Amino acid sequence: MEKRTYFRQPIAFQVRVTAMANPEFTALGETSDISEAGIGVCLPLQFLPGSLVKMEIADSVLQGFVAYSREWPQMLESSFARNKSWVGGSEEAEESRERYVYRTGIEVVEALIGTSGLSQLLKANVEETMPNLRMTTAG
């Protein structure tokens, strides 16, 4: 029996998550899913629940609070997002591929959507799954 309150839609974007209280605490990771409540990400660092964070996806910035962060089995297979250079892949992403060990849920409260193609894809996902989210478009 499903215990989740919200349906989770799988998504795969590279993401940089940064603690607003300590901008030096930042991690490159990957989104795993999106729901009405927020976005799930896999990160190599553990963010404390309640922390205000910003997520950078392509040229978009989303802000929210960490709902939970718990150890998760390492990703063994490369996903689509980590294999494609058009996503903004970097050596840092390749180096961190085997170290993703924290599944983190982020309750998104605000989004500034960029103009790139990836941001427009993100926008479509956000509009569909988070219809009440305060969203503005850059430019």
N, C-alpha and C. Protein backbone atom coordinates (compact mmCIF):
# COMPACT_ATOMS: atom_id res chain seq x y z
N MET A 1 0.83 -1.18 0.00
CA MET A 1 0.00 0.00 0.00
C MET A 1 0.88 1.25 0.00
N GLU A 2 0.58 2.19 -0.88
CA GLU A 2 1.34 3.44 -1.02
C GLU A 2 1.04 4.35 0.17
N LYS A 3 2.09 4.83 0.86
CA LYS A 3 1.92 5.70 2.01
C LYS A 3 2.21 7.16 1.68
N ARG A 4 2.71 7.44 0.49
CA ARG A 4 3.06 8.80 0.12
C ARG A 4 1.81 9.66 -0.06
N THR A 5 1.95 10.92 0.35
CA THR A 5 0.84 11.86 0.20
C THR A 5 0.73 12.35 -1.24
N TYR A 6 1.88 12.54 -1.90
CA TYR A 6 1.91 13.09 -3.25
C TYR A 6 2.57 12.12 -4.23
N PHE A 7 2.05 12.10 -5.44
CA PHE A 7 2.66 11.31 -6.51
C PHE A 7 4.02 11.92 -6.87
N ARG A 8 5.02 11.09 -7.07
CA ARG A 8 6.36 11.55 -7.44
C ARG A 8 6.60 11.24 -8.92
N GLN A 9 6.96 12.28 -9.66
CA GLN A 9 7.28 12.16 -11.08
C GLN A 9 8.80 12.10 -11.22
N PRO A 10 9.37 11.06 -11.82
CA PRO A 10 10.82 11.01 -11.99
C PRO A 10 11.32 12.16 -12.88
N ILE A 11 12.42 12.78 -12.49
CA ILE A 11 13.10 13.78 -13.31
C ILE A 11 14.60 13.63 -13.08
N ALA A 12 15.39 14.04 -14.05
CA ALA A 12 16.85 13.93 -13.92
C ALA A 12 17.50 15.20 -14.46
N PHE A 13 17.92 16.05 -13.53
CA PHE A 13 18.68 17.27 -13.85
C PHE A 13 19.88 17.31 -12.93
N GLN A 14 20.98 17.84 -13.42
CA GLN A 14 22.07 18.14 -12.50
C GLN A 14 21.65 19.33 -11.68
N VAL A 15 22.04 19.34 -10.42
CA VAL A 15 21.64 20.40 -9.51
C VAL A 15 22.80 20.74 -8.59
N ARG A 16 22.91 22.01 -8.26
CA ARG A 16 23.83 22.44 -7.21
C ARG A 16 22.96 22.95 -6.07
N VAL A 17 23.15 22.38 -4.88
CA VAL A 17 22.40 22.79 -3.70
C VAL A 17 23.36 23.51 -2.77
N THR A 18 22.95 24.70 -2.31
CA THR A 18 23.78 25.53 -1.45
C THR A 18 22.98 25.96 -0.23
N ALA A 19 23.58 25.84 0.94
CA ALA A 19 22.94 26.31 2.18
C ALA A 19 22.98 27.83 2.19
N MET A 20 21.84 28.46 2.37
CA MET A 20 21.78 29.92 2.36
C MET A 20 22.53 30.52 3.56
N ALA A 21 22.52 29.87 4.70
CA ALA A 21 23.20 30.37 5.89
C ALA A 21 24.72 30.23 5.80
N ASN A 22 25.18 29.31 4.95
CA ASN A 22 26.61 29.07 4.79
C ASN A 22 26.89 28.74 3.33
N PRO A 23 27.06 29.75 2.47
CA PRO A 23 27.24 29.52 1.03
C PRO A 23 28.43 28.64 0.66
N GLU A 24 29.36 28.43 1.59
CA GLU A 24 30.48 27.53 1.31
C GLU A 24 30.06 26.06 1.40
N PHE A 25 28.90 25.80 2.02
CA PHE A 25 28.38 24.43 2.11
C PHE A 25 27.50 24.20 0.89
N THR A 26 28.09 23.60 -0.12
CA THR A 26 27.41 23.40 -1.39
C THR A 26 27.76 22.03 -1.95
N ALA A 27 26.84 21.47 -2.70
CA ALA A 27 27.07 20.13 -3.26
C ALA A 27 26.45 20.02 -4.63
N LEU A 28 27.14 19.33 -5.51
CA LEU A 28 26.63 19.02 -6.83
C LEU A 28 25.97 17.66 -6.77
N GLY A 29 24.75 17.57 -7.29
CA GLY A 29 24.03 16.31 -7.25
C GLY A 29 23.10 16.16 -8.43
N GLU A 30 22.07 15.36 -8.23
CA GLU A 30 21.13 15.09 -9.31
C GLU A 30 19.72 14.97 -8.74
N THR A 31 18.76 15.56 -9.43
CA THR A 31 17.37 15.40 -9.01
C THR A 31 16.94 13.97 -9.30
N SER A 32 15.99 13.49 -8.51
CA SER A 32 15.47 12.15 -8.76
C SER A 32 13.97 12.18 -9.06
N ASP A 33 13.25 13.09 -8.40
CA ASP A 33 11.82 13.17 -8.64
C ASP A 33 11.29 14.52 -8.20
N ILE A 34 10.05 14.79 -8.63
CA ILE A 34 9.37 16.03 -8.29
C ILE A 34 7.94 15.67 -7.92
N SER A 35 7.41 16.37 -6.92
CA SER A 35 6.02 16.16 -6.51
C SER A 35 5.45 17.51 -6.11
N GLU A 36 4.20 17.53 -5.74
CA GLU A 36 3.56 18.77 -5.31
C GLU A 36 4.27 19.34 -4.09
N ALA A 37 4.88 18.49 -3.28
CA ALA A 37 5.56 18.92 -2.06
C ALA A 37 6.98 19.42 -2.29
N GLY A 38 7.64 19.02 -3.38
CA GLY A 38 9.01 19.46 -3.59
C GLY A 38 9.78 18.59 -4.55
N ILE A 39 11.10 18.66 -4.41
CA ILE A 39 12.01 17.95 -5.31
C ILE A 39 12.94 17.05 -4.50
N GLY A 40 13.09 15.82 -4.95
CA GLY A 40 14.03 14.89 -4.35
C GLY A 40 15.36 14.98 -5.08
N VAL A 41 16.46 15.04 -4.32
CA VAL A 41 17.78 15.10 -4.92
C VAL A 41 18.69 14.09 -4.23
N CYS A 42 19.71 13.64 -4.95
CA CYS A 42 20.76 12.78 -4.40
C CYS A 42 22.02 13.62 -4.33
N LEU A 43 22.63 13.67 -3.13
CA LEU A 43 23.78 14.54 -2.87
C LEU A 43 24.87 13.80 -2.13
N PRO A 44 26.12 14.25 -2.28
CA PRO A 44 27.22 13.62 -1.55
C PRO A 44 27.37 14.17 -0.13
N LEU A 45 26.61 15.21 0.24
CA LEU A 45 26.66 15.80 1.57
C LEU A 45 25.28 15.76 2.21
N GLN A 46 25.26 15.73 3.54
CA GLN A 46 23.98 15.74 4.24
C GLN A 46 23.64 17.16 4.68
N PHE A 47 22.49 17.65 4.23
CA PHE A 47 21.98 18.95 4.64
C PHE A 47 21.00 18.73 5.79
N LEU A 48 21.02 19.61 6.79
CA LEU A 48 20.16 19.44 7.95
C LEU A 48 18.72 19.80 7.63
N PRO A 49 17.78 18.98 8.09
CA PRO A 49 16.37 19.32 7.90
C PRO A 49 16.07 20.71 8.48
N GLY A 50 15.28 21.47 7.76
CA GLY A 50 14.95 22.83 8.16
C GLY A 50 15.85 23.88 7.56
N SER A 51 16.98 23.47 6.99
CA SER A 51 17.92 24.43 6.39
C SER A 51 17.31 25.08 5.16
N LEU A 52 17.49 26.39 5.04
CA LEU A 52 17.09 27.11 3.83
C LEU A 52 18.17 26.89 2.79
N VAL A 53 17.79 26.44 1.61
CA VAL A 53 18.75 26.16 0.55
C VAL A 53 18.29 26.76 -0.77
N LYS A 54 19.26 26.92 -1.67
CA LYS A 54 18.91 27.26 -3.05
C LYS A 54 19.41 26.12 -3.92
N MET A 55 18.63 25.83 -4.95
CA MET A 55 18.98 24.80 -5.92
C MET A 55 19.16 25.49 -7.26
N GLU A 56 20.29 25.23 -7.88
CA GLU A 56 20.55 25.77 -9.21
C GLU A 56 20.45 24.63 -10.21
N ILE A 57 19.52 24.78 -11.15
CA ILE A 57 19.33 23.81 -12.21
C ILE A 57 19.40 24.58 -13.51
N ALA A 58 20.40 24.26 -14.34
CA ALA A 58 20.65 25.04 -15.57
C ALA A 58 20.77 26.50 -15.16
N ASP A 59 19.98 27.40 -15.77
CA ASP A 59 20.04 28.81 -15.39
C ASP A 59 18.84 29.22 -14.55
N SER A 60 18.27 28.26 -13.82
CA SER A 60 17.16 28.51 -12.91
C SER A 60 17.63 28.40 -11.47
N VAL A 61 16.94 29.11 -10.57
CA VAL A 61 17.25 29.05 -9.14
C VAL A 61 15.95 28.82 -8.39
N LEU A 62 15.93 27.76 -7.58
CA LEU A 62 14.78 27.44 -6.75
C LEU A 62 15.21 27.54 -5.30
N GLN A 63 14.34 28.07 -4.46
CA GLN A 63 14.65 28.18 -3.04
C GLN A 63 13.65 27.37 -2.25
N GLY A 64 14.13 26.81 -1.14
CA GLY A 64 13.25 26.02 -0.31
C GLY A 64 13.93 25.57 0.96
N PHE A 65 13.26 24.65 1.65
CA PHE A 65 13.74 24.13 2.92
C PHE A 65 13.97 22.63 2.81
N VAL A 66 15.01 22.15 3.47
CA VAL A 66 15.28 20.71 3.49
C VAL A 66 14.23 20.06 4.39
N ALA A 67 13.47 19.14 3.83
CA ALA A 67 12.46 18.41 4.60
C ALA A 67 13.09 17.19 5.29
N TYR A 68 13.99 16.53 4.59
CA TYR A 68 14.69 15.38 5.17
C TYR A 68 15.97 15.14 4.38
N SER A 69 16.90 14.44 5.00
CA SER A 69 18.15 14.04 4.34
C SER A 69 18.61 12.78 5.04
N ARG A 70 18.63 11.68 4.29
CA ARG A 70 19.01 10.41 4.90
C ARG A 70 19.91 9.60 3.97
N GLU A 71 20.68 8.74 4.59
CA GLU A 71 21.57 7.89 3.80
C GLU A 71 20.75 7.04 2.85
N TRP A 72 21.31 6.87 1.66
CA TRP A 72 20.62 6.14 0.60
C TRP A 72 21.65 5.28 -0.10
N PRO A 73 21.29 4.10 -0.58
CA PRO A 73 22.26 3.29 -1.31
C PRO A 73 22.87 4.07 -2.46
N GLN A 74 24.15 3.88 -2.66
CA GLN A 74 24.85 4.60 -3.73
C GLN A 74 24.25 4.26 -5.09
N MET A 75 24.26 5.26 -5.97
CA MET A 75 23.85 5.03 -7.35
C MET A 75 24.96 4.28 -8.06
N LEU A 76 24.63 3.16 -8.61
CA LEU A 76 25.66 2.37 -9.28
C LEU A 76 25.68 2.60 -10.78
N GLU A 77 24.54 2.95 -11.36
CA GLU A 77 24.49 3.17 -12.79
C GLU A 77 24.38 4.65 -13.10
N SER A 78 25.02 5.08 -14.16
CA SER A 78 24.92 6.47 -14.58
C SER A 78 23.54 6.73 -15.12
N SER A 79 22.99 7.87 -14.75
CA SER A 79 21.68 8.23 -15.28
C SER A 79 21.86 9.06 -16.54
N PHE A 80 20.77 9.31 -17.19
CA PHE A 80 20.78 10.10 -18.41
C PHE A 80 21.40 11.48 -18.17
N ALA A 81 21.03 12.15 -17.07
CA ALA A 81 21.50 13.51 -16.81
C ALA A 81 23.01 13.57 -16.62
N ARG A 82 23.58 12.55 -15.97
CA ARG A 82 25.02 12.59 -15.73
C ARG A 82 25.84 12.17 -16.94
N ASN A 83 25.19 11.67 -17.98
CA ASN A 83 25.93 11.23 -19.16
C ASN A 83 25.94 12.25 -20.28
N LYS A 84 25.16 13.30 -20.19
CA LYS A 84 25.02 14.22 -21.30
C LYS A 84 25.69 15.55 -21.01
N SER A 85 26.59 15.95 -21.89
CA SER A 85 27.32 17.20 -21.69
C SER A 85 26.41 18.41 -21.80
N TRP A 86 25.29 18.32 -22.54
CA TRP A 86 24.41 19.47 -22.69
C TRP A 86 23.71 19.83 -21.38
N VAL A 87 23.76 18.95 -20.40
CA VAL A 87 23.15 19.24 -19.11
C VAL A 87 24.06 20.15 -18.30
N GLY A 88 25.28 20.34 -18.75
CA GLY A 88 26.23 21.15 -18.01
C GLY A 88 27.19 20.29 -17.24
N GLY A 89 27.46 19.10 -17.75
CA GLY A 89 28.35 18.16 -17.09
C GLY A 89 29.73 18.76 -16.87
N SER A 90 30.39 18.30 -15.83
CA SER A 90 31.71 18.81 -15.51
C SER A 90 32.54 17.68 -14.92
N GLU A 91 33.82 17.94 -14.77
CA GLU A 91 34.67 16.93 -14.14
C GLU A 91 34.22 16.69 -12.71
N GLU A 92 33.74 17.76 -12.05
CA GLU A 92 33.27 17.63 -10.68
C GLU A 92 32.10 16.64 -10.62
N ALA A 93 31.20 16.70 -11.60
CA ALA A 93 30.06 15.79 -11.63
C ALA A 93 30.55 14.36 -11.81
N GLU A 94 31.52 14.15 -12.68
CA GLU A 94 32.04 12.80 -12.90
C GLU A 94 32.72 12.26 -11.64
N GLU A 95 33.47 13.13 -10.94
CA GLU A 95 34.16 12.68 -9.75
C GLU A 95 33.19 12.31 -8.64
N SER A 96 32.05 13.00 -8.55
CA SER A 96 31.12 12.75 -7.47
C SER A 96 30.12 11.64 -7.78
N ARG A 97 30.15 11.10 -8.99
CA ARG A 97 29.16 10.11 -9.41
C ARG A 97 29.03 8.95 -8.44
N GLU A 98 30.10 8.43 -7.94
CA GLU A 98 30.04 7.25 -7.08
C GLU A 98 29.83 7.59 -5.61
N ARG A 99 29.74 8.85 -5.25
CA ARG A 99 29.66 9.23 -3.85
C ARG A 99 28.28 9.74 -3.42
N TYR A 100 27.27 9.63 -4.23
CA TYR A 100 25.94 10.11 -3.86
C TYR A 100 25.37 9.19 -2.79
N VAL A 101 25.28 9.68 -1.58
CA VAL A 101 24.82 8.80 -0.52
C VAL A 101 23.69 9.39 0.32
N TYR A 102 23.22 10.62 0.04
CA TYR A 102 22.13 11.20 0.81
C TYR A 102 20.95 11.54 -0.08
N ARG A 103 19.83 10.94 0.22
CA ARG A 103 18.58 11.26 -0.46
C ARG A 103 17.99 12.42 0.32
N THR A 104 17.78 13.55 -0.35
CA THR A 104 17.35 14.78 0.30
C THR A 104 16.07 15.28 -0.35
N GLY A 105 15.08 15.57 0.48
CA GLY A 105 13.83 16.14 0.00
C GLY A 105 13.83 17.63 0.29
N ILE A 106 13.54 18.42 -0.72
CA ILE A 106 13.54 19.87 -0.55
C ILE A 106 12.15 20.41 -0.89
N GLU A 107 11.54 21.06 0.09
CA GLU A 107 10.25 21.70 -0.11
C GLU A 107 10.50 23.04 -0.79
N VAL A 108 10.11 23.16 -2.03
CA VAL A 108 10.38 24.35 -2.83
C VAL A 108 9.30 25.41 -2.52
N VAL A 109 9.75 26.66 -2.27
CA VAL A 109 8.81 27.73 -1.97
C VAL A 109 8.82 28.84 -3.02
N GLU A 110 9.87 28.90 -3.83
CA GLU A 110 9.97 29.95 -4.84
C GLU A 110 10.90 29.50 -5.95
N ALA A 111 10.60 29.90 -7.18
CA ALA A 111 11.43 29.51 -8.32
C ALA A 111 11.60 30.68 -9.27
N LEU A 112 12.85 30.90 -9.68
CA LEU A 112 13.18 31.85 -10.74
C LEU A 112 13.63 30.99 -11.91
N ILE A 113 12.82 30.94 -12.96
CA ILE A 113 13.07 30.06 -14.10
C ILE A 113 13.85 30.81 -15.17
N GLY A 114 14.95 30.22 -15.60
CA GLY A 114 15.81 30.80 -16.63
C GLY A 114 15.21 30.65 -18.02
N THR A 115 16.00 31.01 -19.02
CA THR A 115 15.52 31.01 -20.40
C THR A 115 16.05 29.85 -21.24
N SER A 116 16.96 29.05 -20.72
CA SER A 116 17.53 27.95 -21.49
C SER A 116 16.48 26.87 -21.76
N GLY A 117 16.78 26.01 -22.71
CA GLY A 117 15.89 24.90 -23.02
C GLY A 117 15.67 23.99 -21.82
N LEU A 118 16.73 23.72 -21.04
CA LEU A 118 16.58 22.88 -19.86
C LEU A 118 15.69 23.55 -18.83
N SER A 119 15.82 24.87 -18.69
CA SER A 119 14.96 25.58 -17.74
C SER A 119 13.51 25.53 -18.17
N GLN A 120 13.27 25.57 -19.47
CA GLN A 120 11.89 25.49 -19.94
C GLN A 120 11.31 24.09 -19.69
N LEU A 121 12.15 23.07 -19.79
CA LEU A 121 11.72 21.72 -19.45
C LEU A 121 11.41 21.63 -17.95
N LEU A 122 12.29 22.23 -17.13
CA LEU A 122 12.05 22.28 -15.69
C LEU A 122 10.73 23.00 -15.40
N LYS A 123 10.52 24.14 -16.06
CA LYS A 123 9.30 24.92 -15.87
C LYS A 123 8.06 24.08 -16.15
N ALA A 124 8.07 23.33 -17.24
CA ALA A 124 6.92 22.49 -17.59
C ALA A 124 6.65 21.46 -16.49
N ASN A 125 7.72 20.85 -15.95
CA ASN A 125 7.56 19.88 -14.85
C ASN A 125 7.02 20.55 -13.60
N VAL A 126 7.54 21.73 -13.29
CA VAL A 126 7.10 22.45 -12.09
C VAL A 126 5.64 22.88 -12.23
N GLU A 127 5.26 23.40 -13.38
CA GLU A 127 3.87 23.83 -13.58
C GLU A 127 2.90 22.66 -13.43
N GLU A 128 3.31 21.50 -13.91
CA GLU A 128 2.44 20.32 -13.84
C GLU A 128 2.32 19.77 -12.43
N THR A 129 3.43 19.72 -11.70
CA THR A 129 3.42 19.05 -10.39
C THR A 129 3.27 19.99 -9.20
N MET A 130 3.63 21.25 -9.36
CA MET A 130 3.53 22.22 -8.26
C MET A 130 2.73 23.44 -8.72
N PRO A 131 1.44 23.28 -8.99
CA PRO A 131 0.67 24.38 -9.57
C PRO A 131 0.57 25.61 -8.67
N ASN A 132 0.78 25.48 -7.38
CA ASN A 132 0.66 26.61 -6.46
C ASN A 132 1.99 27.29 -6.13
N LEU A 133 3.08 26.83 -6.75
CA LEU A 133 4.39 27.39 -6.47
C LEU A 133 4.52 28.80 -7.05
N ARG A 134 5.08 29.71 -6.27
CA ARG A 134 5.36 31.06 -6.76
C ARG A 134 6.56 30.98 -7.70
N MET A 135 6.31 31.29 -8.98
CA MET A 135 7.33 31.12 -10.00
C MET A 135 7.42 32.41 -10.83
N THR A 136 8.65 32.87 -11.08
CA THR A 136 8.88 34.00 -11.96
C THR A 136 9.85 33.56 -13.05
N THR A 137 9.80 34.26 -14.17
CA THR A 137 10.67 33.93 -15.29
C THR A 137 11.73 35.01 -15.44
N ALA A 138 12.98 34.60 -15.58
CA ALA A 138 14.10 35.55 -15.78
C ALA A 138 13.98 36.20 -17.13
N GLY A 139 14.57 37.40 -17.22
CA GLY A 139 14.62 38.07 -18.51
C GLY A 139 13.55 39.08 -18.59
